[in-house]
Amino acid sequence: MQTLIRVATEDDVDSLFAIRTSVQQNHLSREQLAEMGITAQVLADSIRVAPCIWIAEVDGTSAAFSMVNLAEGEVFAMFVRPAYEGLGLGRQLMAVAEAALFERHDTLFLITDGRDEIRANGFYKHLGWALAGPVGGEDVRYQKIKAH
């Protein structure tokens, strides 16, 4: 099994949507993403502005991605196709995302669904993220402080 982590290009936009819409927890359709303002054009524009999205490929197949907001210090997205879970792709992508953000910020954050059954919460805690509190509805904010 050959794994590659690389910066996403505009050619990856369809793969990003395929990964994002494949997940079972926190699933959103392309239509729901568009209603939230997440469109192919927005992703392409983001990629053109700065290296802010990384893709994990397994044997040439796009299997997972992470996306950050460099200006805000936020991990905006981290998703793994169900068929590729358990391979360490999420951990590798989070390491790349965190490194990029820690170059610009001392404290990082992410917002996710805070319900107990959401596996991402355990994943973030395992990686050293601390629960900072609720942000509205069932969403919570996690943060991670740069080690000095």
Protein backbone atom coordinates (compact mmCIF):
# COMPACT_ATOMS: atom_id res chain seq x y z
CA MET A 1 0.00 0.00 0.00
CA GLN A 2 1.47 3.31 -1.15
CA THR A 3 0.36 6.42 0.78
CA LEU A 4 1.03 9.99 -0.33
CA ILE A 5 0.07 13.24 1.42
CA ARG A 6 0.13 16.22 -0.94
CA VAL A 7 -1.23 19.72 -1.38
CA ALA A 8 -4.53 19.74 -3.24
CA THR A 9 -4.85 21.39 -6.64
CA GLU A 10 -7.88 22.72 -8.48
CA ASP A 11 -8.05 19.35 -10.28
CA ASP A 12 -8.87 17.74 -6.92
CA VAL A 13 -12.12 19.62 -6.26
CA ASP A 14 -14.38 16.75 -7.39
CA SER A 15 -12.35 14.31 -5.25
CA LEU A 16 -12.76 16.59 -2.23
CA PHE A 17 -16.53 16.51 -2.65
CA ALA A 18 -16.49 12.73 -3.20
CA ILE A 19 -14.59 12.25 0.07
CA ARG A 20 -16.73 14.75 2.01
CA THR A 21 -20.03 13.23 0.85
CA SER A 22 -18.87 9.63 1.49
CA VAL A 23 -18.67 9.91 5.27
CA GLN A 24 -21.40 8.42 7.43
CA GLN A 25 -21.14 10.62 10.53
CA ASN A 26 -21.66 14.33 9.90
CA HIS A 27 -22.76 13.48 6.35
CA LEU A 28 -23.72 16.35 4.06
CA SER A 29 -24.73 16.17 0.40
CA ARG A 30 -23.29 18.46 -2.27
CA GLU A 31 -26.56 20.39 -2.18
CA GLN A 32 -26.34 20.87 1.59
CA LEU A 33 -22.72 21.98 1.28
CA ALA A 34 -23.71 24.48 -1.42
CA GLU A 35 -26.41 25.87 0.90
CA MET A 36 -23.61 26.47 3.43
CA GLY A 37 -21.58 28.30 0.78
CA ILE A 38 -19.19 25.41 0.10
CA THR A 39 -19.12 25.10 -3.68
CA ALA A 40 -16.62 23.89 -6.26
CA GLN A 41 -15.80 27.51 -7.07
CA VAL A 42 -15.15 28.37 -3.41
CA LEU A 43 -12.82 25.38 -3.02
CA ALA A 44 -10.97 26.18 -6.24
CA ASP A 45 -10.57 29.82 -5.15
CA SER A 46 -9.26 28.72 -1.74
CA ILE A 47 -6.71 26.42 -3.35
CA ARG A 48 -5.52 29.23 -5.66
CA VAL A 49 -5.05 31.68 -2.76
CA ALA A 50 -2.93 29.50 -0.45
CA PRO A 51 -1.91 25.90 0.23
CA CYS A 52 -4.78 25.16 2.61
CA ILE A 53 -6.01 21.70 1.61
CA TRP A 54 -4.07 18.43 1.72
CA ILE A 55 -5.10 15.11 0.22
CA ALA A 56 -4.09 11.64 1.30
CA GLU A 57 -3.87 9.19 -1.58
CA VAL A 58 -3.70 5.44 -1.16
CA ASP A 59 -2.41 3.60 -4.21
CA GLY A 60 -3.34 6.63 -6.33
CA THR A 61 -6.90 6.97 -4.97
CA SER A 62 -7.93 10.11 -3.07
CA ALA A 63 -8.89 8.72 0.33
CA ALA A 64 -8.94 11.65 2.79
CA PHE A 65 -8.36 15.38 3.12
CA SER A 66 -7.80 18.15 5.61
CA MET A 67 -8.51 21.84 5.09
CA VAL A 68 -7.47 24.84 7.17
CA ASN A 69 -8.23 28.53 7.39
CA LEU A 70 -4.69 29.89 7.58
CA ALA A 71 -5.77 33.41 8.54
CA GLU A 72 -7.97 32.29 11.45
CA GLY A 73 -5.91 29.35 12.74
CA GLU A 74 -8.75 26.91 12.20
CA VAL A 75 -8.81 23.30 11.07
CA PHE A 76 -11.89 23.69 8.88
CA ALA A 77 -12.32 20.10 7.67
CA MET A 78 -10.85 16.62 8.12
CA PHE A 79 -12.56 13.70 6.41
CA VAL A 80 -11.63 10.11 5.55
CA ARG A 81 -13.55 7.84 3.16
CA PRO A 82 -15.04 4.99 5.22
CA ALA A 83 -13.14 2.35 3.21
CA TYR A 84 -9.83 3.97 4.25
CA GLU A 85 -10.46 4.46 7.97
CA GLY A 86 -7.95 2.99 10.39
CA LEU A 87 -4.91 3.52 8.16
CA GLY A 88 -3.60 6.58 10.02
CA LEU A 89 -4.53 9.00 7.23
CA GLY A 90 -6.43 11.32 9.55
CA ARG A 91 -3.51 11.47 11.96
CA GLN A 92 -1.09 12.26 9.13
CA LEU A 93 -3.35 14.94 7.66
CA MET A 94 -3.91 16.57 11.06
CA ALA A 95 -0.14 16.70 11.60
CA VAL A 96 0.32 18.53 8.28
CA ALA A 97 -2.60 20.89 8.98
CA GLU A 98 -1.40 21.67 12.50
CA ALA A 99 2.16 22.33 11.30
CA ALA A 100 0.91 24.81 8.70
CA LEU A 101 -1.26 26.60 11.25
CA PHE A 102 1.36 26.65 14.03
CA GLU A 103 3.67 28.55 11.65
CA ARG A 104 1.21 31.45 11.98
CA HIS A 105 -0.64 30.92 15.27
CA ASP A 106 0.10 29.87 18.86
CA THR A 107 -3.45 28.58 19.45
CA LEU A 108 -5.45 26.59 16.91
CA PHE A 109 -9.13 25.73 16.94
CA LEU A 110 -11.72 23.58 15.25
CA ILE A 111 -15.48 23.30 15.56
CA THR A 112 -17.31 19.99 15.34
CA ASP A 113 -20.45 18.20 16.41
CA GLY A 114 -20.12 17.65 20.15
CA ARG A 115 -22.48 14.71 20.57
CA ASP A 116 -20.94 11.75 22.42
CA GLU A 117 -21.51 9.32 19.55
CA ILE A 118 -19.43 11.39 17.11
CA ARG A 119 -16.12 9.52 16.79
CA ALA A 120 -14.22 12.65 15.72
CA ASN A 121 -14.34 13.95 19.28
CA GLY A 122 -12.29 11.03 20.59
CA PHE A 123 -9.91 11.39 17.65
CA TYR A 124 -9.24 15.06 18.38
CA LYS A 125 -8.77 14.41 22.11
CA HIS A 126 -6.36 11.57 21.31
CA LEU A 127 -4.30 14.06 19.24
CA GLY A 128 -4.05 16.48 22.16
CA TRP A 129 -6.91 18.84 21.37
CA ALA A 130 -8.78 20.18 24.41
CA LEU A 131 -12.50 20.83 24.56
CA ALA A 132 -12.92 24.60 24.93
CA GLY A 133 -16.72 24.70 25.15
CA PRO A 134 -19.99 24.91 23.23
CA VAL A 135 -20.44 27.26 20.27
CA GLY A 136 -24.13 26.85 19.53
CA GLY A 137 -26.53 24.02 18.89
CA GLU A 138 -24.67 20.77 19.40
CA ASP A 139 -21.36 22.11 18.07
CA VAL A 140 -18.29 22.45 20.26
CA ARG A 141 -14.94 24.17 19.94
CA TYR A 142 -11.64 22.39 20.50
CA GLN A 143 -8.30 24.13 20.76
CA LYS A 144 -4.66 23.16 20.71
CA ILE A 145 -1.84 25.33 22.03
CA LYS A 146 1.62 25.34 20.54
CA ALA A 147 4.22 23.59 22.67
CA HIS A 148 7.19 25.83 23.40
